[in-house]
Amino acid sequence: MAGIISPSMPVFIIENRAHGNRSYVTMNEGLGKVLRMGAFGPEVIEHLKWMEGTLYPVLKGAIEHAVARGEEPDVKNMIAQALHMGDELHNRNKAGSSLFLRAIAPHMVETCKDSAKLAEVLRFLDKTDHFFLNLAMAAGKASLDAAAGVEGSSMATVMARNGTEFGLQVSGLGDRWFTCQAALPEVLLFPGFTREDTNRDIGDSAIMETYGVGGFALAAAPAIVQFIGGTPKDAVNYTMEMYEITTGENSMFSIPALNFRGTPTGIDVLKVVETGITPVLDTGAAHKEPGLGQVGAGIVRMPMEAFVKAAEAFADRYLGD
């Protein structure tokens, strides 16, 4: 969302072993008044210091222990399992976070000798349902980076928003960004906030939909409508619509409610323009005033303008006159 990475901030390293590339991501702070939602009061800094001084060392020791034993967490496999357990991996990560905790907890117990710190970390991970989101985002980024630079490919490899602009990159068009004004999300607001408080769409988490989960896998997560609004039928309809604008289906990431059909994967910018269907995201929304944090969560469509620009550039390069 609105967070930053400072030189002293601990990050996860995700490795795409099939292609040899890596991605990096901060640890999830939780919801509400947190740095990634634009909050920056004393309590935010205090929490970040706790993450640096307590959470990070405990997790670092546990992950290194797991790697040494050949038991490092397999994030891609966890994503696949979580889709079968009611997550869509953007705004619902209860299953993914539980799977991560289940995998890493024995190594934490074996390596952390301070029982008080261990208890703090376990309680934090237990209550932070979105903790797995950051790991899944980095997995998506590592996968999509491997798909970049394919000559003649019209597949989007990056989508991102910064609260002012929306931008995307296309595999066959190099590092060029295609941008336009960011959308205004339709969100289910937290108590005390109004629609006028909502900032324009913001965050790197659109990598999840670019990866073929999140809003593209809403059919796997009927319970999420309690958080983002709508009905379980709406969730199915969103997923079915996304098959119209993607290049294929991911057999690794299947949806039980659709007879284990693979998630719609690989956004084709040409199909987006041809059909008039834009990618749907389920997203958190930040307050438009700095420092106030998250105001709600809901659905947002990525703006067509950027896809038109990308399709025109693709046509100029590959299709001629």
C-alpha atoms as a PDB file:
ATOM      1  CA  MET A   1       0.000   0.000   0.000  1.00  0.00           C
ATOM      2  CA  ALA A   2       1.658   3.222   1.185  1.00  0.00           C
ATOM      3  CA  GLY A   3       4.580   1.663   3.039  1.00  0.00           C
ATOM      4  CA  ILE A   4       8.287   2.075   2.437  1.00  0.00           C
ATOM      5  CA  ILE A   5      11.351  -0.121   2.862  1.00  0.00           C
ATOM      6  CA  SER A   6      14.171   1.460   4.851  1.00  0.00           C
ATOM      7  CA  PRO A   7      17.753   0.107   4.999  1.00  0.00           C
ATOM      8  CA  SER A   8      17.196  -1.367   8.472  1.00  0.00           C
ATOM      9  CA  MET A   9      13.840  -2.984   7.731  1.00  0.00           C
ATOM     10  CA  PRO A  10      13.831  -6.814   7.642  1.00  0.00           C
ATOM     11  CA  VAL A  11      12.478  -8.474   4.499  1.00  0.00           C
ATOM     12  CA  PHE A  12      11.593 -11.952   3.319  1.00  0.00           C
ATOM     13  CA  ILE A  13      13.547 -13.330   0.350  1.00  0.00           C
ATOM     14  CA  ILE A  14      11.500 -15.455  -2.046  1.00  0.00           C
ATOM     15  CA  GLU A  15      13.378 -17.572  -4.573  1.00  0.00           C
ATOM     16  CA  ASN A  16      11.960 -18.814  -7.862  1.00  0.00           C
ATOM     17  CA  ARG A  17      14.066 -21.945  -8.113  1.00  0.00           C
ATOM     18  CA  ALA A  18      12.833 -22.839 -11.588  1.00  0.00           C
ATOM     19  CA  HIS A  19      14.245 -19.608 -13.058  1.00  0.00           C
ATOM     20  CA  GLY A  20      16.840 -18.587 -10.468  1.00  0.00           C
ATOM     21  CA  ASN A  21      15.431 -15.120  -9.689  1.00  0.00           C
ATOM     22  CA  ARG A  22      14.433 -13.648  -6.336  1.00  0.00           C
ATOM     23  CA  SER A  23      11.999 -11.108  -4.931  1.00  0.00           C
ATOM     24  CA  TYR A  24      11.926  -9.277  -1.606  1.00  0.00           C
ATOM     25  CA  VAL A  25       9.100  -8.123   0.635  1.00  0.00           C
ATOM     26  CA  THR A  26       8.566  -6.609   4.066  1.00  0.00           C
ATOM     27  CA  MET A  27       6.696  -8.411   6.833  1.00  0.00           C
ATOM     28  CA  ASN A  28       2.995  -7.685   7.191  1.00  0.00           C
ATOM     29  CA  GLU A  29       2.206  -5.307  10.056  1.00  0.00           C
ATOM     30  CA  GLY A  30      -1.478  -6.190  10.346  1.00  0.00           C
ATOM     31  CA  LEU A  31      -4.513  -3.984   9.643  1.00  0.00           C
ATOM     32  CA  GLY A  32      -5.627  -0.545  10.799  1.00  0.00           C
ATOM     33  CA  LYS A  33      -3.119   2.168  11.721  1.00  0.00           C
ATOM     34  CA  VAL A  34       0.000   0.757  10.094  1.00  0.00           C
ATOM     35  CA  LEU A  35       2.743   2.230   7.924  1.00  0.00           C
ATOM     36  CA  ARG A  36       1.592   0.476   4.764  1.00  0.00           C
ATOM     37  CA  MET A  37      -1.792   2.194   5.119  1.00  0.00           C
ATOM     38  CA  GLY A  38      -0.210   5.625   5.477  1.00  0.00           C
ATOM     39  CA  ALA A  39      -0.192   5.884   9.276  1.00  0.00           C
ATOM     40  CA  PHE A  40       3.012   7.124  10.925  1.00  0.00           C
ATOM     41  CA  GLY A  41       2.299   7.966  14.571  1.00  0.00           C
ATOM     42  CA  PRO A  42       4.424   6.910  17.562  1.00  0.00           C
ATOM     43  CA  GLU A  43       2.527   3.626  17.901  1.00  0.00           C
ATOM     44  CA  VAL A  44       3.384   2.759  14.281  1.00  0.00           C
ATOM     45  CA  ILE A  45       7.101   3.331  14.858  1.00  0.00           C
ATOM     46  CA  GLU A  46       6.967   1.379  18.119  1.00  0.00           C
ATOM     47  CA  HIS A  47       5.364  -1.571  16.338  1.00  0.00           C
ATOM     48  CA  LEU A  48       7.960  -1.476  13.544  1.00  0.00           C
ATOM     49  CA  LYS A  49      10.732  -1.460  16.146  1.00  0.00           C
ATOM     50  CA  TRP A  50       9.145  -4.514  17.772  1.00  0.00           C
ATOM     51  CA  MET A  51       9.048  -6.263  14.407  1.00  0.00           C
ATOM     52  CA  GLU A  52      12.722  -5.452  13.841  1.00  0.00           C
ATOM     53  CA  GLY A  53      13.893  -6.418  17.319  1.00  0.00           C
ATOM     54  CA  THR A  54      11.639  -9.355  18.197  1.00  0.00           C
ATOM     55  CA  LEU A  55       9.643 -10.749  15.274  1.00  0.00           C
ATOM     56  CA  TYR A  56      12.492 -10.707  12.766  1.00  0.00           C
ATOM     57  CA  PRO A  57      15.151 -12.488  14.874  1.00  0.00           C
ATOM     58  CA  VAL A  58      12.708 -15.230  15.880  1.00  0.00           C
ATOM     59  CA  LEU A  59      11.575 -15.821  12.292  1.00  0.00           C
ATOM     60  CA  LYS A  60      15.114 -15.563  10.919  1.00  0.00           C
ATOM     61  CA  GLY A  61      16.365 -18.265  13.253  1.00  0.00           C
ATOM     62  CA  ALA A  62      13.395 -20.492  12.471  1.00  0.00           C
ATOM     63  CA  ILE A  63      13.640 -20.095   8.688  1.00  0.00           C
ATOM     64  CA  GLU A  64      17.390 -20.725   8.660  1.00  0.00           C
ATOM     65  CA  HIS A  65      16.790 -23.839  10.761  1.00  0.00           C
ATOM     66  CA  ALA A  66      14.088 -24.996   8.341  1.00  0.00           C
ATOM     67  CA  VAL A  67      16.337 -24.404   5.316  1.00  0.00           C
ATOM     68  CA  ALA A  68      19.187 -26.344   6.923  1.00  0.00           C
ATOM     69  CA  ARG A  69      16.826 -29.284   7.356  1.00  0.00           C
ATOM     70  CA  GLY A  70      15.447 -29.044   3.835  1.00  0.00           C
ATOM     71  CA  GLU A  71      12.063 -27.993   5.220  1.00  0.00           C
ATOM     72  CA  GLU A  72      11.881 -24.396   3.979  1.00  0.00           C
ATOM     73  CA  PRO A  73       8.328 -23.100   3.450  1.00  0.00           C
ATOM     74  CA  ASP A  74       7.027 -23.750  -0.082  1.00  0.00           C
ATOM     75  CA  VAL A  75       4.990 -20.600  -0.678  1.00  0.00           C
ATOM     76  CA  LYS A  76       3.553 -21.687  -4.027  1.00  0.00           C
ATOM     77  CA  ASN A  77       2.275 -24.920  -2.513  1.00  0.00           C
ATOM     78  CA  MET A  78       0.778 -22.983   0.401  1.00  0.00           C
ATOM     79  CA  ILE A  79      -1.069 -20.716  -2.037  1.00  0.00           C
ATOM     80  CA  ALA A  80      -2.514 -23.771  -3.781  1.00  0.00           C
ATOM     81  CA  GLN A  81      -3.638 -25.244  -0.458  1.00  0.00           C
ATOM     82  CA  ALA A  82      -5.074 -21.946   0.773  1.00  0.00           C
ATOM     83  CA  LEU A  83      -7.305 -21.684  -2.315  1.00  0.00           C
ATOM     84  CA  HIS A  84      -8.843 -24.998  -1.248  1.00  0.00           C
ATOM     85  CA  MET A  85      -9.404 -23.637   2.263  1.00  0.00           C
ATOM     86  CA  GLY A  86     -11.352 -20.459   1.506  1.00  0.00           C
ATOM     87  CA  ASP A  87      -8.643 -17.880   0.725  1.00  0.00           C
ATOM     88  CA  GLU A  88      -8.296 -15.878  -2.475  1.00  0.00           C
ATOM     89  CA  LEU A  89      -4.873 -14.579  -1.315  1.00  0.00           C
ATOM     90  CA  HIS A  90      -5.433 -10.826  -1.452  1.00  0.00           C
ATOM     91  CA  ASN A  91      -7.960  -9.754   1.155  1.00  0.00           C
ATOM     92  CA  ARG A  92      -8.447 -13.162   2.740  1.00  0.00           C
ATOM     93  CA  ASN A  93      -5.309 -14.946   3.928  1.00  0.00           C
ATOM     94  CA  LYS A  94      -6.529 -16.807   7.006  1.00  0.00           C
ATOM     95  CA  ALA A  95      -5.653 -20.219   5.607  1.00  0.00           C
ATOM     96  CA  GLY A  96      -2.336 -19.139   4.089  1.00  0.00           C
ATOM     97  CA  SER A  97      -1.223 -17.484   7.322  1.00  0.00           C
ATOM     98  CA  SER A  98      -2.236 -20.573   9.285  1.00  0.00           C
ATOM     99  CA  LEU A  99      -0.334 -22.850   6.912  1.00  0.00           C
ATOM    100  CA  PHE A 100       2.780 -20.694   7.249  1.00  0.00           C
ATOM    101  CA  LEU A 101       2.536 -20.706  11.040  1.00  0.00           C
ATOM    102  CA  ARG A 102       1.999 -24.461  11.044  1.00  0.00           C
ATOM    103  CA  ALA A 103       5.131 -24.945   8.925  1.00  0.00           C
ATOM    104  CA  ILE A 104       7.416 -22.584  10.821  1.00  0.00           C
ATOM    105  CA  ALA A 105       6.237 -22.969  14.445  1.00  0.00           C
ATOM    106  CA  PRO A 106       8.234 -26.152  15.228  1.00  0.00           C
ATOM    107  CA  HIS A 107      11.420 -24.448  14.031  1.00  0.00           C
ATOM    108  CA  MET A 108      10.625 -21.378  16.144  1.00  0.00           C
ATOM    109  CA  VAL A 109      10.256 -23.570  19.207  1.00  0.00           C
ATOM    110  CA  GLU A 110      13.544 -25.335  18.479  1.00  0.00           C
ATOM    111  CA  THR A 111      15.567 -22.151  17.900  1.00  0.00           C
ATOM    112  CA  CYS A 112      14.088 -19.453  20.180  1.00  0.00           C
ATOM    113  CA  LYS A 113      15.285 -19.870  23.756  1.00  0.00           C
ATOM    114  CA  ASP A 114      13.388 -16.836  25.078  1.00  0.00           C
ATOM    115  CA  SER A 115       9.916 -18.168  25.862  1.00  0.00           C
ATOM    116  CA  ALA A 116       8.454 -14.693  26.408  1.00  0.00           C
ATOM    117  CA  LYS A 117       9.568 -13.471  22.968  1.00  0.00           C
ATOM    118  CA  LEU A 118       8.410 -16.709  21.381  1.00  0.00           C
ATOM    119  CA  ALA A 119       4.972 -16.251  22.927  1.00  0.00           C
ATOM    120  CA  GLU A 120       4.812 -12.652  21.641  1.00  0.00           C
ATOM    121  CA  VAL A 121       5.630 -13.754  18.106  1.00  0.00           C
ATOM    122  CA  LEU A 122       3.182 -16.655  18.155  1.00  0.00           C
ATOM    123  CA  ARG A 123       0.386 -14.384  19.396  1.00  0.00           C
ATOM    124  CA  PHE A 124       1.161 -11.803  16.714  1.00  0.00           C
ATOM    125  CA  LEU A 125       1.162 -14.381  13.920  1.00  0.00           C
ATOM    126  CA  ASP A 126      -2.028 -15.920  15.282  1.00  0.00           C
ATOM    127  CA  LYS A 127      -3.946 -12.629  15.167  1.00  0.00           C
ATOM    128  CA  THR A 128      -2.439 -11.273  11.921  1.00  0.00           C
ATOM    129  CA  ASP A 129      -4.611 -12.966   9.319  1.00  0.00           C
ATOM    130  CA  HIS A 130      -2.938 -11.023   6.493  1.00  0.00           C
ATOM    131  CA  PHE A 131       0.611 -12.043   7.401  1.00  0.00           C
ATOM    132  CA  PHE A 132       0.829 -14.463   4.476  1.00  0.00           C
ATOM    133  CA  LEU A 133      -0.205 -11.782   1.959  1.00  0.00           C
ATOM    134  CA  ASN A 134       3.298 -10.341   1.738  1.00  0.00           C
ATOM    135  CA  LEU A 135       4.829 -13.759   1.126  1.00  0.00           C
ATOM    136  CA  ALA A 136       2.262 -14.494  -1.578  1.00  0.00           C
ATOM    137  CA  MET A 137       2.896 -11.104  -3.215  1.00  0.00           C
ATOM    138  CA  ALA A 138       6.613 -11.809  -3.397  1.00  0.00           C
ATOM    139  CA  ALA A 139       5.900 -15.256  -4.853  1.00  0.00           C
ATOM    140  CA  GLY A 140       3.725 -13.635  -7.504  1.00  0.00           C
ATOM    141  CA  LYS A 141       6.419 -11.088  -8.307  1.00  0.00           C
ATOM    142  CA  ALA A 142       9.124 -13.754  -8.597  1.00  0.00           C
ATOM    143  CA  SER A 143       6.912 -15.777 -10.934  1.00  0.00           C
ATOM    144  CA  LEU A 144       5.901 -12.844 -13.121  1.00  0.00           C
ATOM    145  CA  ASP A 145       9.435 -11.462 -13.394  1.00  0.00           C
ATOM    146  CA  ALA A 146      10.324 -14.744 -15.078  1.00  0.00           C
ATOM    147  CA  ALA A 147       7.589 -14.056 -17.653  1.00  0.00           C
ATOM    148  CA  ALA A 148       8.892 -10.588 -18.552  1.00  0.00           C
ATOM    149  CA  GLY A 149      10.676  -9.829 -21.803  1.00  0.00           C
ATOM    150  CA  VAL A 150       8.980 -12.459 -23.966  1.00  0.00           C
ATOM    151  CA  GLU A 151       9.003 -11.205 -27.548  1.00  0.00           C
ATOM    152  CA  GLY A 152       5.505 -10.889 -28.975  1.00  0.00           C
ATOM    153  CA  SER A 153       3.729 -11.480 -25.659  1.00  0.00           C
ATOM    154  CA  SER A 154       0.781  -9.218 -24.807  1.00  0.00           C
ATOM    155  CA  MET A 155       0.536 -10.510 -21.229  1.00  0.00           C
ATOM    156  CA  ALA A 156       0.659  -8.011 -18.370  1.00  0.00           C
ATOM    157  CA  THR A 157       3.510  -8.789 -15.981  1.00  0.00           C
ATOM    158  CA  VAL A 158       3.014  -5.920 -13.513  1.00  0.00           C
ATOM    159  CA  MET A 159       0.049  -3.892 -12.281  1.00  0.00           C
ATOM    160  CA  ALA A 160       0.507  -1.302  -9.533  1.00  0.00           C
ATOM    161  CA  ARG A 161      -1.147   1.803  -8.066  1.00  0.00           C
ATOM    162  CA  ASN A 162       0.311   4.656  -6.031  1.00  0.00           C
ATOM    163  CA  GLY A 163      -2.807   6.497  -4.892  1.00  0.00           C
ATOM    164  CA  THR A 164      -2.618   8.871  -7.847  1.00  0.00           C
ATOM    165  CA  GLU A 165      -1.804   6.748 -10.896  1.00  0.00           C
ATOM    166  CA  PHE A 166      -2.354   3.198 -12.082  1.00  0.00           C
ATOM    167  CA  GLY A 167       0.345   1.587 -14.196  1.00  0.00           C
ATOM    168  CA  LEU A 168       1.063  -1.682 -15.950  1.00  0.00           C
ATOM    169  CA  GLN A 169       3.871  -3.344 -17.870  1.00  0.00           C
ATOM    170  CA  VAL A 170       3.576  -5.839 -20.727  1.00  0.00           C
ATOM    171  CA  SER A 171       5.918  -8.775 -21.270  1.00  0.00           C
ATOM    172  CA  GLY A 172       6.679  -7.989 -24.912  1.00  0.00           C
ATOM    173  CA  LEU A 173       7.103  -4.239 -24.406  1.00  0.00           C
ATOM    174  CA  GLY A 174      10.112  -4.153 -22.098  1.00  0.00           C
ATOM    175  CA  ASP A 175      10.285  -1.876 -19.054  1.00  0.00           C
ATOM    176  CA  ARG A 176       7.859   0.730 -20.391  1.00  0.00           C
ATOM    177  CA  TRP A 177       5.032   1.789 -18.064  1.00  0.00           C
ATOM    178  CA  PHE A 178       1.514   2.537 -19.318  1.00  0.00           C
ATOM    179  CA  THR A 179      -0.242   4.813 -16.843  1.00  0.00           C
ATOM    180  CA  CYS A 180      -3.427   6.740 -16.145  1.00  0.00           C
ATOM    181  CA  GLN A 181      -5.323   8.086 -13.139  1.00  0.00           C
ATOM    182  CA  ALA A 182      -5.940   5.499 -10.414  1.00  0.00           C
ATOM    183  CA  ALA A 183      -9.509   4.374  -9.776  1.00  0.00           C
ATOM    184  CA  LEU A 184     -11.627   5.129  -6.711  1.00  0.00           C
ATOM    185  CA  PRO A 185     -12.484   1.840  -4.951  1.00  0.00           C
ATOM    186  CA  GLU A 186     -16.015   0.831  -3.974  1.00  0.00           C
ATOM    187  CA  VAL A 187     -15.355  -0.274  -0.402  1.00  0.00           C
ATOM    188  CA  LEU A 188     -17.166  -1.665   2.597  1.00  0.00           C
ATOM    189  CA  LEU A 189     -16.185   1.004   5.102  1.00  0.00           C
ATOM    190  CA  PHE A 190     -14.980   0.490   8.641  1.00  0.00           C
ATOM    191  CA  PRO A 191     -17.133   2.197  11.323  1.00  0.00           C
ATOM    192  CA  GLY A 192     -16.662   5.955  11.500  1.00  0.00           C
ATOM    193  CA  PHE A 193     -15.573   6.502   7.885  1.00  0.00           C
ATOM    194  CA  THR A 194     -17.416   7.759   4.805  1.00  0.00           C
ATOM    195  CA  ARG A 195     -16.814   7.375   1.078  1.00  0.00           C
ATOM    196  CA  GLU A 196     -15.400  10.905   1.052  1.00  0.00           C
ATOM    197  CA  ASP A 197     -12.559   9.646   3.263  1.00  0.00           C
ATOM    198  CA  THR A 198     -11.398   7.104   0.664  1.00  0.00           C
ATOM    199  CA  ASN A 199      -8.193   7.702  -1.254  1.00  0.00           C
ATOM    200  CA  ARG A 200      -7.720   6.626  -4.841  1.00  0.00           C
ATOM    201  CA  ASP A 201      -6.537   3.074  -5.370  1.00  0.00           C
ATOM    202  CA  ILE A 202      -3.076   2.417  -3.979  1.00  0.00           C
ATOM    203  CA  GLY A 203      -0.564  -0.379  -3.532  1.00  0.00           C
ATOM    204  CA  ASP A 204       1.635  -3.061  -5.074  1.00  0.00           C
ATOM    205  CA  SER A 205      -0.788  -5.820  -4.070  1.00  0.00           C
ATOM    206  CA  ALA A 206      -2.297  -5.755  -7.579  1.00  0.00           C
ATOM    207  CA  ILE A 207       0.510  -8.221  -8.296  1.00  0.00           C
ATOM    208  CA  MET A 208      -1.853 -10.852  -6.851  1.00  0.00           C
ATOM    209  CA  GLU A 209      -4.423 -10.406  -9.611  1.00  0.00           C
ATOM    210  CA  THR A 210      -1.636 -10.172 -12.184  1.00  0.00           C
ATOM    211  CA  TYR A 211      -0.583 -13.571 -10.795  1.00  0.00           C
ATOM    212  CA  GLY A 212      -4.102 -14.990 -11.223  1.00  0.00           C
ATOM    213  CA  VAL A 213      -5.370 -14.985  -7.637  1.00  0.00           C
ATOM    214  CA  GLY A 214      -6.969 -12.286  -5.468  1.00  0.00           C
ATOM    215  CA  GLY A 215      -9.941 -10.853  -7.353  1.00  0.00           C
ATOM    216  CA  PHE A 216      -9.435 -13.460 -10.077  1.00  0.00           C
ATOM    217  CA  ALA A 217      -9.961 -16.248  -7.519  1.00  0.00           C
ATOM    218  CA  LEU A 218     -12.897 -14.789  -5.599  1.00  0.00           C
ATOM    219  CA  ALA A 219     -14.943 -17.912  -6.361  1.00  0.00           C
ATOM    220  CA  ALA A 220     -12.618 -19.779  -3.981  1.00  0.00           C
ATOM    221  CA  ALA A 221     -13.436 -17.436  -1.087  1.00  0.00           C
ATOM    222  CA  PRO A 222     -17.202 -16.980  -0.612  1.00  0.00           C
ATOM    223  CA  ALA A 223     -16.765 -15.765   2.965  1.00  0.00           C
ATOM    224  CA  ILE A 224     -14.717 -12.772   1.808  1.00  0.00           C
ATOM    225  CA  VAL A 225     -17.878 -10.900   0.854  1.00  0.00           C
ATOM    226  CA  GLN A 226     -18.366 -10.221   4.568  1.00  0.00           C
ATOM    227  CA  PHE A 227     -15.215  -8.073   4.360  1.00  0.00           C
ATOM    228  CA  ILE A 228     -15.468  -6.523   0.885  1.00  0.00           C
ATOM    229  CA  GLY A 229     -19.239  -6.509   0.277  1.00  0.00           C
ATOM    230  CA  GLY A 230     -21.441  -8.346  -2.225  1.00  0.00           C
ATOM    231  CA  THR A 231     -22.672 -11.944  -2.264  1.00  0.00           C
ATOM    232  CA  PRO A 232     -21.021 -15.346  -2.816  1.00  0.00           C
ATOM    233  CA  LYS A 233     -22.655 -15.385  -6.267  1.00  0.00           C
ATOM    234  CA  ASP A 234     -20.947 -12.080  -7.062  1.00  0.00           C
ATOM    235  CA  ALA A 235     -17.624 -13.661  -6.123  1.00  0.00           C
ATOM    236  CA  VAL A 236     -18.182 -16.501  -8.600  1.00  0.00           C
ATOM    237  CA  ASN A 237     -19.269 -14.075 -11.319  1.00  0.00           C
ATOM    238  CA  TYR A 238     -16.114 -11.987 -10.953  1.00  0.00           C
ATOM    239  CA  THR A 239     -13.913 -15.053 -11.417  1.00  0.00           C
ATOM    240  CA  MET A 240     -15.880 -16.292 -14.427  1.00  0.00           C
ATOM    241  CA  GLU A 241     -15.580 -12.880 -16.061  1.00  0.00           C
ATOM    242  CA  MET A 242     -11.798 -12.871 -15.667  1.00  0.00           C
ATOM    243  CA  TYR A 243     -11.483 -16.002 -17.838  1.00  0.00           C
ATOM    244  CA  GLU A 244     -12.535 -13.739 -20.732  1.00  0.00           C
ATOM    245  CA  ILE A 245      -9.378 -11.613 -20.514  1.00  0.00           C
ATOM    246  CA  THR A 246      -6.671 -14.129 -19.621  1.00  0.00           C
ATOM    247  CA  THR A 247      -4.398 -16.297 -21.722  1.00  0.00           C
ATOM    248  CA  GLY A 248      -4.955 -19.506 -19.774  1.00  0.00           C
ATOM    249  CA  GLU A 249      -5.652 -21.273 -16.494  1.00  0.00           C
ATOM    250  CA  ASN A 250      -3.225 -22.204 -13.735  1.00  0.00           C
ATOM    251  CA  SER A 251      -3.645 -25.911 -13.047  1.00  0.00           C
ATOM    252  CA  MET A 252      -1.604 -25.510  -9.847  1.00  0.00           C
ATOM    253  CA  PHE A 253      -4.119 -23.030  -8.423  1.00  0.00           C
ATOM    254  CA  SER A 254      -7.548 -24.653  -8.663  1.00  0.00           C
ATOM    255  CA  ILE A 255     -10.953 -23.586  -7.352  1.00  0.00           C
ATOM    256  CA  PRO A 256     -13.103 -26.297  -5.724  1.00  0.00           C
ATOM    257  CA  ALA A 257     -16.386 -24.450  -6.365  1.00  0.00           C
ATOM    258  CA  LEU A 258     -15.638 -24.466 -10.116  1.00  0.00           C
ATOM    259  CA  ASN A 259     -14.971 -28.214 -10.229  1.00  0.00           C
ATOM    260  CA  PHE A 260     -11.294 -27.506  -9.535  1.00  0.00           C
ATOM    261  CA  ARG A 261     -10.869 -25.366 -12.617  1.00  0.00           C
ATOM    262  CA  GLY A 262      -7.548 -23.508 -12.639  1.00  0.00           C
ATOM    263  CA  THR A 263      -7.591 -19.817 -11.808  1.00  0.00           C
ATOM    264  CA  PRO A 264      -7.756 -17.389 -14.767  1.00  0.00           C
ATOM    265  CA  THR A 265      -4.128 -16.420 -15.301  1.00  0.00           C
ATOM    266  CA  GLY A 266      -2.144 -14.159 -17.600  1.00  0.00           C
ATOM    267  CA  ILE A 267      -3.962 -10.881 -18.295  1.00  0.00           C
ATOM    268  CA  ASP A 268      -3.914 -10.235 -22.045  1.00  0.00           C
ATOM    269  CA  VAL A 269      -4.041  -6.489 -22.676  1.00  0.00           C
ATOM    270  CA  LEU A 270      -5.444  -7.097 -26.163  1.00  0.00           C
ATOM    271  CA  LYS A 271      -8.339  -9.142 -24.746  1.00  0.00           C
ATOM    272  CA  VAL A 272      -9.035  -6.438 -22.164  1.00  0.00           C
ATOM    273  CA  VAL A 273      -9.448  -3.834 -24.898  1.00  0.00           C
ATOM    274  CA  GLU A 274     -11.322  -6.176 -27.239  1.00  0.00           C
ATOM    275  CA  THR A 275     -13.887  -7.275 -24.628  1.00  0.00           C
ATOM    276  CA  GLY A 276     -14.131  -4.050 -22.654  1.00  0.00           C
ATOM    277  CA  ILE A 277     -13.635  -6.086 -19.472  1.00  0.00           C
ATOM    278  CA  THR A 278     -11.041  -4.701 -17.072  1.00  0.00           C
ATOM    279  CA  PRO A 279      -9.302  -6.661 -14.294  1.00  0.00           C
ATOM    280  CA  VAL A 280     -11.113  -6.722 -10.964  1.00  0.00           C
ATOM    281  CA  LEU A 281      -9.248  -6.411  -7.674  1.00  0.00           C
ATOM    282  CA  ASP A 282     -10.441  -6.863  -4.131  1.00  0.00           C
ATOM    283  CA  THR A 283      -8.430  -4.365  -2.186  1.00  0.00           C
ATOM    284  CA  GLY A 284      -7.940  -2.412   0.991  1.00  0.00           C
ATOM    285  CA  ALA A 285      -8.514   1.337   0.922  1.00  0.00           C
ATOM    286  CA  ALA A 286      -6.499   4.009   2.696  1.00  0.00           C
ATOM    287  CA  HIS A 287      -7.702   7.337   4.103  1.00  0.00           C
ATOM    288  CA  LYS A 288      -7.006  10.259   1.789  1.00  0.00           C
ATOM    289  CA  GLU A 289      -5.589  12.252   4.703  1.00  0.00           C
ATOM    290  CA  PRO A 290      -2.062  11.213   5.731  1.00  0.00           C
ATOM    291  CA  GLY A 291      -1.612   9.296   8.940  1.00  0.00           C
ATOM    292  CA  LEU A 292      -5.121   7.905   9.428  1.00  0.00           C
ATOM    293  CA  GLY A 293      -4.619   4.417   7.998  1.00  0.00           C
ATOM    294  CA  GLN A 294      -7.130   2.028   6.449  1.00  0.00           C
ATOM    295  CA  VAL A 295     -10.795   2.963   5.993  1.00  0.00           C
ATOM    296  CA  GLY A 296     -12.192  -0.249   4.512  1.00  0.00           C
ATOM    297  CA  ALA A 297     -11.961  -2.909   1.822  1.00  0.00           C
ATOM    298  CA  GLY A 298     -13.839  -3.662  -1.365  1.00  0.00           C
ATOM    299  CA  ILE A 299     -13.815  -4.057  -5.129  1.00  0.00           C
ATOM    300  CA  VAL A 300     -12.070  -1.909  -7.720  1.00  0.00           C
ATOM    301  CA  ARG A 301     -11.714  -2.163 -11.498  1.00  0.00           C
ATOM    302  CA  MET A 302      -8.422  -1.242 -13.104  1.00  0.00           C
ATOM    303  CA  PRO A 303      -8.839   1.737 -15.473  1.00  0.00           C
ATOM    304  CA  MET A 304      -9.235   0.908 -19.162  1.00  0.00           C
ATOM    305  CA  GLU A 305      -7.130   3.882 -20.302  1.00  0.00           C
ATOM    306  CA  ALA A 306      -3.809   2.269 -19.398  1.00  0.00           C
ATOM    307  CA  PHE A 307      -4.745  -0.951 -21.219  1.00  0.00           C
ATOM    308  CA  VAL A 308      -5.675   0.997 -24.343  1.00  0.00           C
ATOM    309  CA  LYS A 309      -2.278   2.714 -24.276  1.00  0.00           C
ATOM    310  CA  ALA A 310      -0.544  -0.651 -23.872  1.00  0.00           C
ATOM    311  CA  ALA A 311      -2.569  -2.267 -26.667  1.00  0.00           C
ATOM    312  CA  GLU A 312      -1.805   0.616 -29.019  1.00  0.00           C
ATOM    313  CA  ALA A 313       1.917   0.352 -28.271  1.00  0.00           C
ATOM    314  CA  PHE A 314       1.765  -3.404 -28.805  1.00  0.00           C
ATOM    315  CA  ALA A 315       0.003  -2.937 -32.140  1.00  0.00           C
ATOM    316  CA  ASP A 316       2.561  -0.342 -33.242  1.00  0.00           C
ATOM    317  CA  ARG A 317       5.432  -2.694 -32.460  1.00  0.00           C
ATOM    318  CA  TYR A 318       4.100  -6.047 -33.604  1.00  0.00           C
ATOM    319  CA  LEU A 319       1.089  -5.569 -35.856  1.00  0.00           C
ATOM    320  CA  GLY A 320       2.238  -2.699 -38.049  1.00  0.00           C
ATOM    321  CA  ASP A 321      -0.330  -0.645 -39.918  1.00  0.00           C
END
